[in-house]
Amino acid sequence: MKEIKIIGIERIPEISEDHNIAHEIIDATKKQKLTIEDGDILVIAQKIISKNEGKKVKLIKSNSLEELLELESAEVLRKRGQTIISKTKHGFICANAGIDNSNVEPGYALLLPDDPDESAKKIRSVIYSELNADIGIIISDTFGRVWRKGQVNMAIGISGIDPLLNYIGTKDTFKNELKVTEIAVVDEIASAAELVMGKADNIPVALIKNYTYRSSEDTIKKIIRPPSEDYFL
């Protein structure tokens, strides 16, 4: 019987630039009597990465959010009311360039990390050094979706895990060859982890156990559809 465990990591303090996130995760897992082992995955909320990397910005003028949007957007794609859909410098298409003012003090906003893949890689390296555990890391953020209401967690940075499960060329149960099927496993894992992390529960990290994935040094760029393949832009 297949079973995957998704465990919310509690007791992580309010993160600032003075913290070492990897050490805080290790300490918190020990307090929960959990062990980080080879093949595990950590899903880490973007917000604590941004806070740790100094991406918290004070809004000092009434139009400062608009100025931030211009700075953080490589291209503005759509505008409707107060919502702007833009492409970030990372290549993500999302609302308001990923700028968020939830779970942060009033008068401040959080920007996305400059390089979420590098953030994931550094945390993975420290955990390997401290625990001798080769794991996957996913940095997650909440995105809206075309065609559907509601938001889900998606991966914006990865390390040590192949973002796509490729079925192209394999056969289904009826012996039909699959020609286009690729599963965005890092998005699925990030979305599943949000069920234990929540938005107001102060659980910014989830530990995933018993999921078999392919180890890889690919970056999140592998999952971003290039403009030539985009039917809607």
C-alpha atoms as a PDB file:
ATOM      1  CA  MET A   1       0.000   0.000   0.000  1.00  0.00           C
ATOM      2  CA  LYS A   2       1.365   3.391  -0.999  1.00  0.00           C
ATOM      3  CA  GLU A   3       1.500   5.974   1.760  1.00  0.00           C
ATOM      4  CA  ILE A   4       2.935   9.486   1.802  1.00  0.00           C
ATOM      5  CA  LYS A   5       3.371  11.411   5.040  1.00  0.00           C
ATOM      6  CA  ILE A   6       3.045  15.205   5.143  1.00  0.00           C
ATOM      7  CA  ILE A   7       4.071  16.646   8.498  1.00  0.00           C
ATOM      8  CA  GLY A   8       3.835  20.295   9.478  1.00  0.00           C
ATOM      9  CA  ILE A   9       6.966  21.543  11.249  1.00  0.00           C
ATOM     10  CA  GLU A  10       6.002  23.631  14.255  1.00  0.00           C
ATOM     11  CA  ARG A  11       8.013  25.796  16.685  1.00  0.00           C
ATOM     12  CA  ILE A  12       9.862  27.692  13.983  1.00  0.00           C
ATOM     13  CA  PRO A  13      10.347  31.254  15.280  1.00  0.00           C
ATOM     14  CA  GLU A  14       9.478  34.457  13.443  1.00  0.00           C
ATOM     15  CA  ILE A  15      12.243  34.528  10.857  1.00  0.00           C
ATOM     16  CA  SER A  16      14.497  37.545  10.366  1.00  0.00           C
ATOM     17  CA  GLU A  17      17.780  38.196   8.581  1.00  0.00           C
ATOM     18  CA  ASP A  18      19.646  36.988  11.684  1.00  0.00           C
ATOM     19  CA  HIS A  19      18.333  33.428  11.460  1.00  0.00           C
ATOM     20  CA  ASN A  20      19.777  30.399   9.712  1.00  0.00           C
ATOM     21  CA  ILE A  21      16.676  28.746   8.256  1.00  0.00           C
ATOM     22  CA  ALA A  22      18.273  25.317   7.867  1.00  0.00           C
ATOM     23  CA  HIS A  23      19.335  25.295  11.521  1.00  0.00           C
ATOM     24  CA  GLU A  24      15.886  26.448  12.641  1.00  0.00           C
ATOM     25  CA  ILE A  25      14.278  23.611  10.666  1.00  0.00           C
ATOM     26  CA  ILE A  26      16.684  21.051  12.127  1.00  0.00           C
ATOM     27  CA  ASP A  27      16.030  22.287  15.667  1.00  0.00           C
ATOM     28  CA  ALA A  28      12.251  22.288  15.163  1.00  0.00           C
ATOM     29  CA  THR A  29      12.195  18.745  13.771  1.00  0.00           C
ATOM     30  CA  LYS A  30      14.203  17.510  16.754  1.00  0.00           C
ATOM     31  CA  LYS A  31      11.697  19.119  19.132  1.00  0.00           C
ATOM     32  CA  GLN A  32       8.935  17.187  17.315  1.00  0.00           C
ATOM     33  CA  LYS A  33      11.047  14.017  17.569  1.00  0.00           C
ATOM     34  CA  LEU A  34      11.288  13.827  13.790  1.00  0.00           C
ATOM     35  CA  THR A  35      14.294  12.757  11.743  1.00  0.00           C
ATOM     36  CA  ILE A  36      15.194  14.244   8.363  1.00  0.00           C
ATOM     37  CA  GLU A  37      16.412  11.332   6.247  1.00  0.00           C
ATOM     38  CA  ASP A  38      17.685  10.585   2.752  1.00  0.00           C
ATOM     39  CA  GLY A  39      14.875  10.928   0.220  1.00  0.00           C
ATOM     40  CA  ASP A  40      12.726  13.262   2.316  1.00  0.00           C
ATOM     41  CA  ILE A  41      11.445  16.560   0.934  1.00  0.00           C
ATOM     42  CA  LEU A  42      11.099  19.877   2.719  1.00  0.00           C
ATOM     43  CA  VAL A  43       8.530  22.358   1.458  1.00  0.00           C
ATOM     44  CA  ILE A  44       9.359  25.846   2.716  1.00  0.00           C
ATOM     45  CA  ALA A  45       7.068  28.861   2.476  1.00  0.00           C
ATOM     46  CA  GLN A  46       8.493  31.695   0.397  1.00  0.00           C
ATOM     47  CA  LYS A  47       7.633  34.200   3.099  1.00  0.00           C
ATOM     48  CA  ILE A  48      10.295  33.035   5.534  1.00  0.00           C
ATOM     49  CA  ILE A  49      12.875  32.935   2.740  1.00  0.00           C
ATOM     50  CA  SER A  50      12.031  36.522   1.771  1.00  0.00           C
ATOM     51  CA  LYS A  51      12.181  37.701   5.388  1.00  0.00           C
ATOM     52  CA  ASN A  52      15.528  35.975   5.868  1.00  0.00           C
ATOM     53  CA  GLU A  53      16.977  37.494   2.693  1.00  0.00           C
ATOM     54  CA  GLY A  54      15.966  41.069   3.437  1.00  0.00           C
ATOM     55  CA  LYS A  55      13.086  41.258   0.968  1.00  0.00           C
ATOM     56  CA  LYS A  56      10.752  42.975   3.446  1.00  0.00           C
ATOM     57  CA  VAL A  57      10.116  46.508   2.199  1.00  0.00           C
ATOM     58  CA  LYS A  58       8.540  49.408   4.073  1.00  0.00           C
ATOM     59  CA  LEU A  59       5.771  51.136   2.103  1.00  0.00           C
ATOM     60  CA  ILE A  60       6.512  54.792   2.685  1.00  0.00           C
ATOM     61  CA  LYS A  61       4.320  56.474   0.068  1.00  0.00           C
ATOM     62  CA  SER A  62       0.768  55.937  -1.144  1.00  0.00           C
ATOM     63  CA  ASN A  63       2.055  54.893  -4.570  1.00  0.00           C
ATOM     64  CA  SER A  64       5.047  52.863  -3.380  1.00  0.00           C
ATOM     65  CA  LEU A  65       3.295  49.554  -4.112  1.00  0.00           C
ATOM     66  CA  GLU A  66       2.872  50.610  -7.740  1.00  0.00           C
ATOM     67  CA  GLU A  67       6.541  51.525  -7.886  1.00  0.00           C
ATOM     68  CA  LEU A  68       7.480  48.131  -6.478  1.00  0.00           C
ATOM     69  CA  LEU A  69       5.321  46.454  -9.113  1.00  0.00           C
ATOM     70  CA  GLU A  70       7.234  48.223 -11.839  1.00  0.00           C
ATOM     71  CA  LEU A  71      10.566  47.236 -10.324  1.00  0.00           C
ATOM     72  CA  GLU A  72       9.607  43.583  -9.767  1.00  0.00           C
ATOM     73  CA  SER A  73       7.857  43.037 -13.109  1.00  0.00           C
ATOM     74  CA  ALA A  74       9.660  42.154 -16.303  1.00  0.00           C
ATOM     75  CA  GLU A  75       6.369  42.698 -18.152  1.00  0.00           C
ATOM     76  CA  VAL A  76       2.839  43.718 -17.202  1.00  0.00           C
ATOM     77  CA  LEU A  77       0.396  41.439 -19.024  1.00  0.00           C
ATOM     78  CA  ARG A  78      -3.087  42.337 -17.749  1.00  0.00           C
ATOM     79  CA  LYS A  79      -4.791  44.881 -15.516  1.00  0.00           C
ATOM     80  CA  ARG A  80      -8.258  44.581 -13.991  1.00  0.00           C
ATOM     81  CA  GLY A  81      -9.256  46.853 -11.128  1.00  0.00           C
ATOM     82  CA  GLN A  82      -6.570  46.699  -8.456  1.00  0.00           C
ATOM     83  CA  THR A  83      -5.142  43.429  -9.778  1.00  0.00           C
ATOM     84  CA  ILE A  84      -2.162  43.371 -12.100  1.00  0.00           C
ATOM     85  CA  ILE A  85      -0.977  40.174 -13.777  1.00  0.00           C
ATOM     86  CA  SER A  86       2.686  40.402 -14.570  1.00  0.00           C
ATOM     87  CA  LYS A  87       5.690  38.322 -15.484  1.00  0.00           C
ATOM     88  CA  THR A  88       8.360  38.547 -12.810  1.00  0.00           C
ATOM     89  CA  LYS A  89      12.080  38.704 -13.480  1.00  0.00           C
ATOM     90  CA  HIS A  90      12.152  34.982 -12.571  1.00  0.00           C
ATOM     91  CA  GLY A  91       9.685  34.177 -15.377  1.00  0.00           C
ATOM     92  CA  PHE A  92       6.657  33.533 -13.126  1.00  0.00           C
ATOM     93  CA  ILE A  93       3.290  34.858 -14.276  1.00  0.00           C
ATOM     94  CA  CYS A  94       1.305  35.863 -11.210  1.00  0.00           C
ATOM     95  CA  ALA A  95      -0.736  38.595  -9.566  1.00  0.00           C
ATOM     96  CA  ASN A  96       1.092  41.751  -8.535  1.00  0.00           C
ATOM     97  CA  ALA A  97       4.548  40.316  -9.319  1.00  0.00           C
ATOM     98  CA  GLY A  98       4.289  38.088  -6.252  1.00  0.00           C
ATOM     99  CA  ILE A  99       4.375  41.083  -3.888  1.00  0.00           C
ATOM    100  CA  ASP A 100       2.483  40.223  -0.705  1.00  0.00           C
ATOM    101  CA  ASN A 101       1.528  42.086   2.463  1.00  0.00           C
ATOM    102  CA  SER A 102       0.040  39.159   4.395  1.00  0.00           C
ATOM    103  CA  ASN A 103       1.873  37.652   7.382  1.00  0.00           C
ATOM    104  CA  VAL A 104       3.983  40.784   7.653  1.00  0.00           C
ATOM    105  CA  GLU A 105       3.694  43.910   9.785  1.00  0.00           C
ATOM    106  CA  PRO A 106       1.266  46.627   8.612  1.00  0.00           C
ATOM    107  CA  GLY A 107       2.975  49.092   6.303  1.00  0.00           C
ATOM    108  CA  TYR A 108       5.357  46.511   4.880  1.00  0.00           C
ATOM    109  CA  ALA A 109       5.349  44.197   1.866  1.00  0.00           C
ATOM    110  CA  LEU A 110       7.325  41.079   0.990  1.00  0.00           C
ATOM    111  CA  LEU A 111       9.016  40.673  -2.364  1.00  0.00           C
ATOM    112  CA  LEU A 112       9.931  37.329  -3.890  1.00  0.00           C
ATOM    113  CA  PRO A 113      13.468  36.068  -3.259  1.00  0.00           C
ATOM    114  CA  ASP A 114      15.942  37.092  -5.957  1.00  0.00           C
ATOM    115  CA  ASP A 115      16.877  33.470  -6.726  1.00  0.00           C
ATOM    116  CA  PRO A 116      14.607  30.882  -5.049  1.00  0.00           C
ATOM    117  CA  ASP A 117      16.580  28.000  -6.580  1.00  0.00           C
ATOM    118  CA  GLU A 118      19.760  29.266  -4.945  1.00  0.00           C
ATOM    119  CA  SER A 119      17.891  29.717  -1.648  1.00  0.00           C
ATOM    120  CA  ALA A 120      16.751  26.084  -1.825  1.00  0.00           C
ATOM    121  CA  LYS A 121      20.237  24.905  -2.747  1.00  0.00           C
ATOM    122  CA  LYS A 122      21.841  26.636   0.262  1.00  0.00           C
ATOM    123  CA  ILE A 123      19.366  25.129   2.719  1.00  0.00           C
ATOM    124  CA  ARG A 124      19.795  21.680   1.191  1.00  0.00           C
ATOM    125  CA  SER A 125      23.581  22.007   1.448  1.00  0.00           C
ATOM    126  CA  VAL A 126      23.469  22.909   5.149  1.00  0.00           C
ATOM    127  CA  ILE A 127      21.110  20.034   5.937  1.00  0.00           C
ATOM    128  CA  TYR A 128      23.369  17.601   4.104  1.00  0.00           C
ATOM    129  CA  SER A 129      26.389  18.951   5.989  1.00  0.00           C
ATOM    130  CA  GLU A 130      24.672  18.788   9.383  1.00  0.00           C
ATOM    131  CA  LEU A 131      22.632  15.581   9.024  1.00  0.00           C
ATOM    132  CA  ASN A 132      24.264  13.733   6.108  1.00  0.00           C
ATOM    133  CA  ALA A 133      20.786  13.535   4.573  1.00  0.00           C
ATOM    134  CA  ASP A 134      20.362  14.042   0.815  1.00  0.00           C
ATOM    135  CA  ILE A 135      16.900  15.538   0.433  1.00  0.00           C
ATOM    136  CA  GLY A 136      14.792  17.590  -1.946  1.00  0.00           C
ATOM    137  CA  ILE A 137      13.869  21.193  -1.224  1.00  0.00           C
ATOM    138  CA  ILE A 138      10.858  23.070  -2.598  1.00  0.00           C
ATOM    139  CA  ILE A 139      10.263  26.783  -2.008  1.00  0.00           C
ATOM    140  CA  SER A 140       6.519  27.388  -2.369  1.00  0.00           C
ATOM    141  CA  ASP A 141       4.234  30.361  -2.889  1.00  0.00           C
ATOM    142  CA  THR A 142       0.507  30.825  -3.447  1.00  0.00           C
ATOM    143  CA  PHE A 143      -0.609  31.399  -7.037  1.00  0.00           C
ATOM    144  CA  GLY A 144      -3.946  31.754  -8.751  1.00  0.00           C
ATOM    145  CA  ARG A 145      -4.802  29.501 -11.706  1.00  0.00           C
ATOM    146  CA  VAL A 146      -6.279  30.096 -15.126  1.00  0.00           C
ATOM    147  CA  TRP A 147      -9.742  28.572 -15.674  1.00  0.00           C
ATOM    148  CA  ARG A 148     -10.350  27.958 -11.956  1.00  0.00           C
ATOM    149  CA  LYS A 149     -11.125  30.005  -8.873  1.00  0.00           C
ATOM    150  CA  GLY A 150      -9.049  29.782  -5.741  1.00  0.00           C
ATOM    151  CA  GLN A 151      -5.335  29.673  -5.123  1.00  0.00           C
ATOM    152  CA  VAL A 152      -2.913  26.806  -4.583  1.00  0.00           C
ATOM    153  CA  ASN A 153       0.678  26.521  -3.479  1.00  0.00           C
ATOM    154  CA  MET A 154       3.167  26.126  -6.306  1.00  0.00           C
ATOM    155  CA  ALA A 155       6.921  25.654  -6.457  1.00  0.00           C
ATOM    156  CA  ILE A 156       9.010  28.760  -7.180  1.00  0.00           C
ATOM    157  CA  GLY A 157      12.394  27.280  -6.268  1.00  0.00           C
ATOM    158  CA  ILE A 158      13.787  23.758  -6.050  1.00  0.00           C
ATOM    159  CA  SER A 159      16.937  21.818  -5.283  1.00  0.00           C
ATOM    160  CA  GLY A 160      17.644  18.110  -5.545  1.00  0.00           C
ATOM    161  CA  ILE A 161      14.365  17.091  -7.157  1.00  0.00           C
ATOM    162  CA  ASP A 162      13.241  16.740 -10.771  1.00  0.00           C
ATOM    163  CA  PRO A 163      10.280  19.107 -11.177  1.00  0.00           C
ATOM    164  CA  LEU A 164       8.578  17.013 -13.868  1.00  0.00           C
ATOM    165  CA  LEU A 165       7.553  13.371 -14.002  1.00  0.00           C
ATOM    166  CA  ASN A 166       7.723  12.561 -17.689  1.00  0.00           C
ATOM    167  CA  TYR A 167       5.422   9.839 -19.048  1.00  0.00           C
ATOM    168  CA  ILE A 168       5.999  10.661 -22.722  1.00  0.00           C
ATOM    169  CA  GLY A 169       6.740   7.477 -24.662  1.00  0.00           C
ATOM    170  CA  THR A 170       5.343   5.164 -21.979  1.00  0.00           C
ATOM    171  CA  LYS A 171       2.077   3.251 -22.283  1.00  0.00           C
ATOM    172  CA  ASP A 172      -1.114   3.510 -20.248  1.00  0.00           C
ATOM    173  CA  THR A 173      -3.091   0.550 -18.905  1.00  0.00           C
ATOM    174  CA  PHE A 174      -4.702   0.092 -22.346  1.00  0.00           C
ATOM    175  CA  LYS A 175      -1.318   0.023 -24.123  1.00  0.00           C
ATOM    176  CA  ASN A 176      -1.828   3.485 -25.621  1.00  0.00           C
ATOM    177  CA  GLU A 177       1.389   5.456 -25.980  1.00  0.00           C
ATOM    178  CA  LEU A 178       1.396   8.665 -23.939  1.00  0.00           C
ATOM    179  CA  LYS A 179       2.534  11.574 -26.092  1.00  0.00           C
ATOM    180  CA  VAL A 180       2.241  14.725 -23.962  1.00  0.00           C
ATOM    181  CA  THR A 181       1.827  13.705 -20.316  1.00  0.00           C
ATOM    182  CA  GLU A 182       4.215  15.406 -17.904  1.00  0.00           C
ATOM    183  CA  ILE A 183       3.225  15.727 -14.242  1.00  0.00           C
ATOM    184  CA  ALA A 184       4.399  18.836 -12.384  1.00  0.00           C
ATOM    185  CA  VAL A 185       5.307  16.893  -9.248  1.00  0.00           C
ATOM    186  CA  VAL A 186       6.897  19.824  -7.418  1.00  0.00           C
ATOM    187  CA  ASP A 187       3.675  21.829  -7.767  1.00  0.00           C
ATOM    188  CA  GLU A 188       1.622  18.852  -6.587  1.00  0.00           C
ATOM    189  CA  ILE A 189       3.882  18.376  -3.563  1.00  0.00           C
ATOM    190  CA  ALA A 190       3.798  22.097  -2.739  1.00  0.00           C
ATOM    191  CA  SER A 191       0.010  22.131  -2.984  1.00  0.00           C
ATOM    192  CA  ALA A 192      -0.363  19.051  -0.791  1.00  0.00           C
ATOM    193  CA  ALA A 193       1.986  20.520   1.804  1.00  0.00           C
ATOM    194  CA  GLU A 194      -0.191  23.627   2.121  1.00  0.00           C
ATOM    195  CA  LEU A 195      -2.879  21.450   3.702  1.00  0.00           C
ATOM    196  CA  VAL A 196      -0.752  21.192   6.849  1.00  0.00           C
ATOM    197  CA  MET A 197       0.961  24.576   6.584  1.00  0.00           C
ATOM    198  CA  GLY A 198      -2.097  26.808   6.241  1.00  0.00           C
ATOM    199  CA  LYS A 199      -1.988  30.588   5.961  1.00  0.00           C
ATOM    200  CA  ALA A 200      -2.466  31.575   9.589  1.00  0.00           C
ATOM    201  CA  ASP A 201      -1.147  28.564  11.522  1.00  0.00           C
ATOM    202  CA  ASN A 202       2.499  29.653  11.801  1.00  0.00           C
ATOM    203  CA  ILE A 203       3.697  26.439  10.150  1.00  0.00           C
ATOM    204  CA  PRO A 204       5.988  27.609   7.331  1.00  0.00           C
ATOM    205  CA  VAL A 205       7.632  24.246   6.646  1.00  0.00           C
ATOM    206  CA  ALA A 206       6.352  20.764   5.840  1.00  0.00           C
ATOM    207  CA  LEU A 207       8.305  17.508   5.842  1.00  0.00           C
ATOM    208  CA  ILE A 208       7.334  14.982   3.153  1.00  0.00           C
ATOM    209  CA  LYS A 209       8.206  11.332   3.701  1.00  0.00           C
ATOM    210  CA  ASN A 210       7.792   8.181   1.606  1.00  0.00           C
ATOM    211  CA  TYR A 211       7.430   9.909  -1.770  1.00  0.00           C
ATOM    212  CA  THR A 212       9.783   8.458  -4.386  1.00  0.00           C
ATOM    213  CA  TYR A 213      11.179  11.113  -6.694  1.00  0.00           C
ATOM    214  CA  ARG A 214      14.059  11.423  -9.117  1.00  0.00           C
ATOM    215  CA  SER A 215      16.995  13.376  -7.743  1.00  0.00           C
ATOM    216  CA  SER A 216      18.095  16.151 -10.086  1.00  0.00           C
ATOM    217  CA  GLU A 217      20.036  19.406 -10.198  1.00  0.00           C
ATOM    218  CA  ASP A 218      17.421  20.986 -12.484  1.00  0.00           C
ATOM    219  CA  THR A 219      16.081  24.423 -11.595  1.00  0.00           C
ATOM    220  CA  ILE A 220      12.535  25.748 -11.610  1.00  0.00           C
ATOM    221  CA  LYS A 221      13.117  27.047 -15.145  1.00  0.00           C
ATOM    222  CA  LYS A 222      12.480  23.508 -16.394  1.00  0.00           C
ATOM    223  CA  ILE A 223       8.817  23.863 -15.451  1.00  0.00           C
ATOM    224  CA  ILE A 224       8.241  27.364 -16.875  1.00  0.00           C
ATOM    225  CA  ARG A 225       6.556  27.226 -20.261  1.00  0.00           C
ATOM    226  CA  PRO A 226       8.428  29.329 -22.843  1.00  0.00           C
ATOM    227  CA  PRO A 227       6.474  32.033 -24.709  1.00  0.00           C
ATOM    228  CA  SER A 228       6.635  29.998 -27.929  1.00  0.00           C
ATOM    229  CA  GLU A 229       4.497  27.285 -26.251  1.00  0.00           C
ATOM    230  CA  ASP A 230       2.068  29.656 -24.526  1.00  0.00           C
ATOM    231  CA  TYR A 231      -1.363  29.822 -26.182  1.00  0.00           C
ATOM    232  CA  PHE A 232      -2.625  32.749 -24.104  1.00  0.00           C
ATOM    233  CA  LEU A 233       0.080  35.422 -24.259  1.00  0.00           C
END
